[in-house]
Amino acid sequence: MAKSKKKVEVVFLACEETGDLNYTIRRKTGGEKLKLSKYCPRLRKHTLHVEKKKR
């Protein structure tokens, strides 16, 4: 039997302070937007990054 393909989307994590798209992640579709504290190389410190789709 063939395995069913899971729906996965590529999203970017953008720094809230600079707006830079620093990280890419693959996640399942749906759910609420991610908000993670990640390292921002431009500011050289950890800042809040939010999920953003590149269009």
PDB file of N, CA and C in Angstrom:
ATOM      1  N   MET A   1       0.829  -1.185   0.000  1.00  0.00           N
ATOM      2  CA  MET A   1       0.000   0.000   0.000  1.00  0.00           C
ATOM      3  C   MET A   1       0.874   1.249   0.000  1.00  0.00           C
ATOM      4  N   ALA A   2       0.382   2.253  -0.661  1.00  0.00           N
ATOM      5  CA  ALA A   2       1.108   3.513  -0.730  1.00  0.00           C
ATOM      6  C   ALA A   2       0.863   4.330   0.530  1.00  0.00           C
ATOM      7  N   LYS A   3       1.906   5.003   0.971  1.00  0.00           N
ATOM      8  CA  LYS A   3       1.768   5.859   2.144  1.00  0.00           C
ATOM      9  C   LYS A   3       1.140   7.178   1.719  1.00  0.00           C
ATOM     10  N   SER A   4       0.323   7.729   2.584  1.00  0.00           N
ATOM     11  CA  SER A   4      -0.279   9.022   2.271  1.00  0.00           C
ATOM     12  C   SER A   4       0.735  10.123   2.559  1.00  0.00           C
ATOM     13  N   LYS A   5       0.722  11.131   1.731  1.00  0.00           N
ATOM     14  CA  LYS A   5       1.647  12.251   1.910  1.00  0.00           C
ATOM     15  C   LYS A   5       1.048  13.239   2.907  1.00  0.00           C
ATOM     16  N   LYS A   6       1.881  13.664   3.849  1.00  0.00           N
ATOM     17  CA  LYS A   6       1.432  14.645   4.826  1.00  0.00           C
ATOM     18  C   LYS A   6       1.587  16.040   4.247  1.00  0.00           C
ATOM     19  N   LYS A   7       0.678  16.909   4.589  1.00  0.00           N
ATOM     20  CA  LYS A   7       0.727  18.282   4.116  1.00  0.00           C
ATOM     21  C   LYS A   7       1.736  19.060   4.965  1.00  0.00           C
ATOM     22  N   VAL A   8       2.787  19.530   4.300  1.00  0.00           N
ATOM     23  CA  VAL A   8       3.831  20.292   4.981  1.00  0.00           C
ATOM     24  C   VAL A   8       4.037  21.589   4.219  1.00  0.00           C
ATOM     25  N   GLU A   9       4.170  22.693   4.955  1.00  0.00           N
ATOM     26  CA  GLU A   9       4.413  23.975   4.326  1.00  0.00           C
ATOM     27  C   GLU A   9       5.728  24.556   4.842  1.00  0.00           C
ATOM     28  N   VAL A  10       6.362  25.358   4.021  1.00  0.00           N
ATOM     29  CA  VAL A  10       7.592  26.036   4.407  1.00  0.00           C
ATOM     30  C   VAL A  10       7.228  27.440   4.853  1.00  0.00           C
ATOM     31  N   VAL A  11       7.625  27.788   6.070  1.00  0.00           N
ATOM     32  CA  VAL A  11       7.357  29.126   6.596  1.00  0.00           C
ATOM     33  C   VAL A  11       8.675  29.740   7.061  1.00  0.00           C
ATOM     34  N   PHE A  12       8.695  31.038   7.149  1.00  0.00           N
ATOM     35  CA  PHE A  12       9.885  31.775   7.558  1.00  0.00           C
ATOM     36  C   PHE A  12       9.626  32.408   8.915  1.00  0.00           C
ATOM     37  N   LEU A  13      10.685  32.533   9.709  1.00  0.00           N
ATOM     38  CA  LEU A  13      10.586  33.231  10.979  1.00  0.00           C
ATOM     39  C   LEU A  13      11.243  34.592  10.807  1.00  0.00           C
ATOM     40  N   ALA A  14      10.449  35.636  11.007  1.00  0.00           N
ATOM     41  CA  ALA A  14      10.915  37.002  10.812  1.00  0.00           C
ATOM     42  C   ALA A  14      11.100  37.683  12.162  1.00  0.00           C
ATOM     43  N   CYS A  15      12.212  38.400  12.289  1.00  0.00           N
ATOM     44  CA  CYS A  15      12.495  39.159  13.504  1.00  0.00           C
ATOM     45  C   CYS A  15      11.486  40.301  13.610  1.00  0.00           C
ATOM     46  N   GLU A  16      10.911  40.480  14.795  1.00  0.00           N
ATOM     47  CA  GLU A  16       9.932  41.557  14.972  1.00  0.00           C
ATOM     48  C   GLU A  16      10.579  42.934  14.969  1.00  0.00           C
ATOM     49  N   GLU A  17      11.829  43.035  15.391  1.00  0.00           N
ATOM     50  CA  GLU A  17      12.478  44.341  15.483  1.00  0.00           C
ATOM     51  C   GLU A  17      13.044  44.811  14.144  1.00  0.00           C
ATOM     52  N   THR A  18      13.679  43.907  13.390  1.00  0.00           N
ATOM     53  CA  THR A  18      14.305  44.313  12.128  1.00  0.00           C
ATOM     54  C   THR A  18      13.487  43.910  10.902  1.00  0.00           C
ATOM     55  N   GLY A  19      12.652  42.883  11.010  1.00  0.00           N
ATOM     56  CA  GLY A  19      11.868  42.415   9.877  1.00  0.00           C
ATOM     57  C   GLY A  19      12.610  41.432   8.989  1.00  0.00           C
ATOM     58  N   ASP A  20      13.837  41.063   9.371  1.00  0.00           N
ATOM     59  CA  ASP A  20      14.624  40.120   8.579  1.00  0.00           C
ATOM     60  C   ASP A  20      14.062  38.710   8.690  1.00  0.00           C
ATOM     61  N   LEU A  21      14.098  37.979   7.561  1.00  0.00           N
ATOM     62  CA  LEU A  21      13.690  36.574   7.555  1.00  0.00           C
ATOM     63  C   LEU A  21      14.936  35.741   7.844  1.00  0.00           C
ATOM     64  N   ASN A  22      15.129  35.362   9.105  1.00  0.00           N
ATOM     65  CA  ASN A  22      16.361  34.711   9.529  1.00  0.00           C
ATOM     66  C   ASN A  22      16.302  33.188   9.481  1.00  0.00           C
ATOM     67  N   TYR A  23      15.146  32.584   9.643  1.00  0.00           N
ATOM     68  CA  TYR A  23      15.036  31.141   9.746  1.00  0.00           C
ATOM     69  C   TYR A  23      13.930  30.611   8.841  1.00  0.00           C
ATOM     70  N   THR A  24      14.120  29.394   8.323  1.00  0.00           N
ATOM     71  CA  THR A  24      13.075  28.699   7.580  1.00  0.00           C
ATOM     72  C   THR A  24      12.782  27.400   8.298  1.00  0.00           C
ATOM     73  N   ILE A  25      11.520  27.055   8.361  1.00  0.00           N
ATOM     74  CA  ILE A  25      11.123  25.802   8.992  1.00  0.00           C
ATOM     75  C   ILE A  25      10.039  25.149   8.158  1.00  0.00           C
ATOM     76  N   ARG A  26       9.927  23.842   8.293  1.00  0.00           N
ATOM     77  CA  ARG A  26       8.850  23.089   7.663  1.00  0.00           C
ATOM     78  C   ARG A  26       7.926  22.628   8.763  1.00  0.00           C
ATOM     79  N   ARG A  27       6.630  22.893   8.590  1.00  0.00           N
ATOM     80  CA  ARG A  27       5.656  22.486   9.609  1.00  0.00           C
ATOM     81  C   ARG A  27       4.358  22.070   8.962  1.00  0.00           C
ATOM     82  N   LYS A  28       3.537  21.401   9.728  1.00  0.00           N
ATOM     83  CA  LYS A  28       2.230  20.977   9.238  1.00  0.00           C
ATOM     84  C   LYS A  28       1.346  22.193   9.033  1.00  0.00           C
ATOM     85  N   THR A  29       0.428  22.096   8.097  1.00  0.00           N
ATOM     86  CA  THR A  29      -0.477  23.207   7.822  1.00  0.00           C
ATOM     87  C   THR A  29      -1.461  23.372   8.969  1.00  0.00           C
ATOM     88  N   GLY A  30      -1.990  24.559   9.095  1.00  0.00           N
ATOM     89  CA  GLY A  30      -2.981  24.845  10.126  1.00  0.00           C
ATOM     90  C   GLY A  30      -2.321  25.221  11.440  1.00  0.00           C
ATOM     91  N   GLY A  31      -3.152  25.408  12.445  1.00  0.00           N
ATOM     92  CA  GLY A  31      -2.647  25.808  13.748  1.00  0.00           C
ATOM     93  C   GLY A  31      -2.419  27.299  13.814  1.00  0.00           C
ATOM     94  N   GLU A  32      -1.970  27.756  14.980  1.00  0.00           N
ATOM     95  CA  GLU A  32      -1.734  29.184  15.135  1.00  0.00           C
ATOM     96  C   GLU A  32      -0.289  29.516  14.783  1.00  0.00           C
ATOM     97  N   LYS A  33      -0.029  30.797  14.575  1.00  0.00           N
ATOM     98  CA  LYS A  33       1.299  31.232  14.167  1.00  0.00           C
ATOM     99  C   LYS A  33       2.306  31.037  15.301  1.00  0.00           C
ATOM    100  N   LEU A  34       3.524  30.666  14.915  1.00  0.00           N
ATOM    101  CA  LEU A  34       4.584  30.469  15.890  1.00  0.00           C
ATOM    102  C   LEU A  34       5.168  31.798  16.330  1.00  0.00           C
ATOM    103  N   LYS A  35       5.537  31.874  17.589  1.00  0.00           N
ATOM    104  CA  LYS A  35       6.258  33.020  18.139  1.00  0.00           C
ATOM    105  C   LYS A  35       7.364  32.428  18.999  1.00  0.00           C
ATOM    106  N   LEU A  36       8.605  32.561  18.528  1.00  0.00           N
ATOM    107  CA  LEU A  36       9.744  31.971  19.216  1.00  0.00           C
ATOM    108  C   LEU A  36      10.809  33.011  19.478  1.00  0.00           C
ATOM    109  N   SER A  37      11.564  32.817  20.544  1.00  0.00           N
ATOM    110  CA  SER A  37      12.708  33.661  20.818  1.00  0.00           C
ATOM    111  C   SER A  37      13.913  33.017  20.144  1.00  0.00           C
ATOM    112  N   LYS A  38      14.453  33.692  19.118  1.00  0.00           N
ATOM    113  CA  LYS A  38      15.580  33.178  18.350  1.00  0.00           C
ATOM    114  C   LYS A  38      16.652  34.252  18.253  1.00  0.00           C
ATOM    115  N   TYR A  39      17.841  33.837  17.820  1.00  0.00           N
ATOM    116  CA  TYR A  39      18.968  34.761  17.698  1.00  0.00           C
ATOM    117  C   TYR A  39      18.857  35.575  16.414  1.00  0.00           C
ATOM    118  N   CYS A  40      19.018  36.882  16.523  1.00  0.00           N
ATOM    119  CA  CYS A  40      19.032  37.775  15.369  1.00  0.00           C
ATOM    120  C   CYS A  40      20.471  38.210  15.116  1.00  0.00           C
ATOM    121  N   PRO A  41      21.063  37.789  13.987  1.00  0.00           N
ATOM    122  CA  PRO A  41      22.467  38.134  13.743  1.00  0.00           C
ATOM    123  C   PRO A  41      22.722  39.628  13.549  1.00  0.00           C
ATOM    124  N   ARG A  42      21.761  40.364  13.042  1.00  0.00           N
ATOM    125  CA  ARG A  42      21.964  41.801  12.828  1.00  0.00           C
ATOM    126  C   ARG A  42      22.073  42.539  14.159  1.00  0.00           C
ATOM    127  N   LEU A  43      21.210  42.181  15.120  1.00  0.00           N
ATOM    128  CA  LEU A  43      21.226  42.839  16.426  1.00  0.00           C
ATOM    129  C   LEU A  43      22.161  42.169  17.424  1.00  0.00           C
ATOM    130  N   ARG A  44      22.597  40.950  17.091  1.00  0.00           N
ATOM    131  CA  ARG A  44      23.483  40.149  17.946  1.00  0.00           C
ATOM    132  C   ARG A  44      22.878  39.877  19.314  1.00  0.00           C
ATOM    133  N   LYS A  45      21.586  39.569  19.334  1.00  0.00           N
ATOM    134  CA  LYS A  45      20.913  39.184  20.569  1.00  0.00           C
ATOM    135  C   LYS A  45      19.660  38.388  20.231  1.00  0.00           C
ATOM    136  N   HIS A  46      19.061  37.784  21.230  1.00  0.00           N
ATOM    137  CA  HIS A  46      17.837  37.026  21.037  1.00  0.00           C
ATOM    138  C   HIS A  46      16.648  37.984  21.001  1.00  0.00           C
ATOM    139  N   THR A  47      15.791  37.809  20.009  1.00  0.00           N
ATOM    140  CA  THR A  47      14.588  38.624  19.877  1.00  0.00           C
ATOM    141  C   THR A  47      13.420  37.708  19.541  1.00  0.00           C
ATOM    142  N   LEU A  48      12.230  38.250  19.591  1.00  0.00           N
ATOM    143  CA  LEU A  48      11.039  37.487  19.255  1.00  0.00           C
ATOM    144  C   LEU A  48      10.918  37.378  17.738  1.00  0.00           C
ATOM    145  N   HIS A  49      10.735  36.162  17.245  1.00  0.00           N
ATOM    146  CA  HIS A  49      10.542  35.912  15.813  1.00  0.00           C
ATOM    147  C   HIS A  49       9.136  35.350  15.609  1.00  0.00           C
ATOM    148  N   VAL A  50       8.445  35.822  14.593  1.00  0.00           N
ATOM    149  CA  VAL A  50       7.095  35.380  14.306  1.00  0.00           C
ATOM    150  C   VAL A  50       7.054  34.709  12.926  1.00  0.00           C
ATOM    151  N   GLU A  51       6.117  33.819  12.766  1.00  0.00           N
ATOM    152  CA  GLU A  51       5.953  33.088  11.514  1.00  0.00           C
ATOM    153  C   GLU A  51       5.425  34.005  10.425  1.00  0.00           C
ATOM    154  N   LYS A  52       6.012  33.865   9.227  1.00  0.00           N
ATOM    155  CA  LYS A  52       5.581  34.666   8.095  1.00  0.00           C
ATOM    156  C   LYS A  52       5.714  33.817   6.838  1.00  0.00           C
ATOM    157  N   LYS A  53       4.732  33.885   5.961  1.00  0.00           N
ATOM    158  CA  LYS A  53       4.804  33.162   4.695  1.00  0.00           C
ATOM    159  C   LYS A  53       5.377  34.095   3.639  1.00  0.00           C
ATOM    160  N   LYS A  54       6.295  33.583   2.854  1.00  0.00           N
ATOM    161  CA  LYS A  54       6.877  34.376   1.779  1.00  0.00           C
ATOM    162  C   LYS A  54       5.975  34.258   0.556  1.00  0.00           C
ATOM    163  N   ARG A  55       5.600  35.343  -0.025  1.00  0.00           N
ATOM    164  CA  ARG A  55       4.681  35.325  -1.162  1.00  0.00           C
ATOM    165  C   ARG A  55       5.351  35.815  -2.402  1.00  0.00           C
TER     166      ARG A  55
END
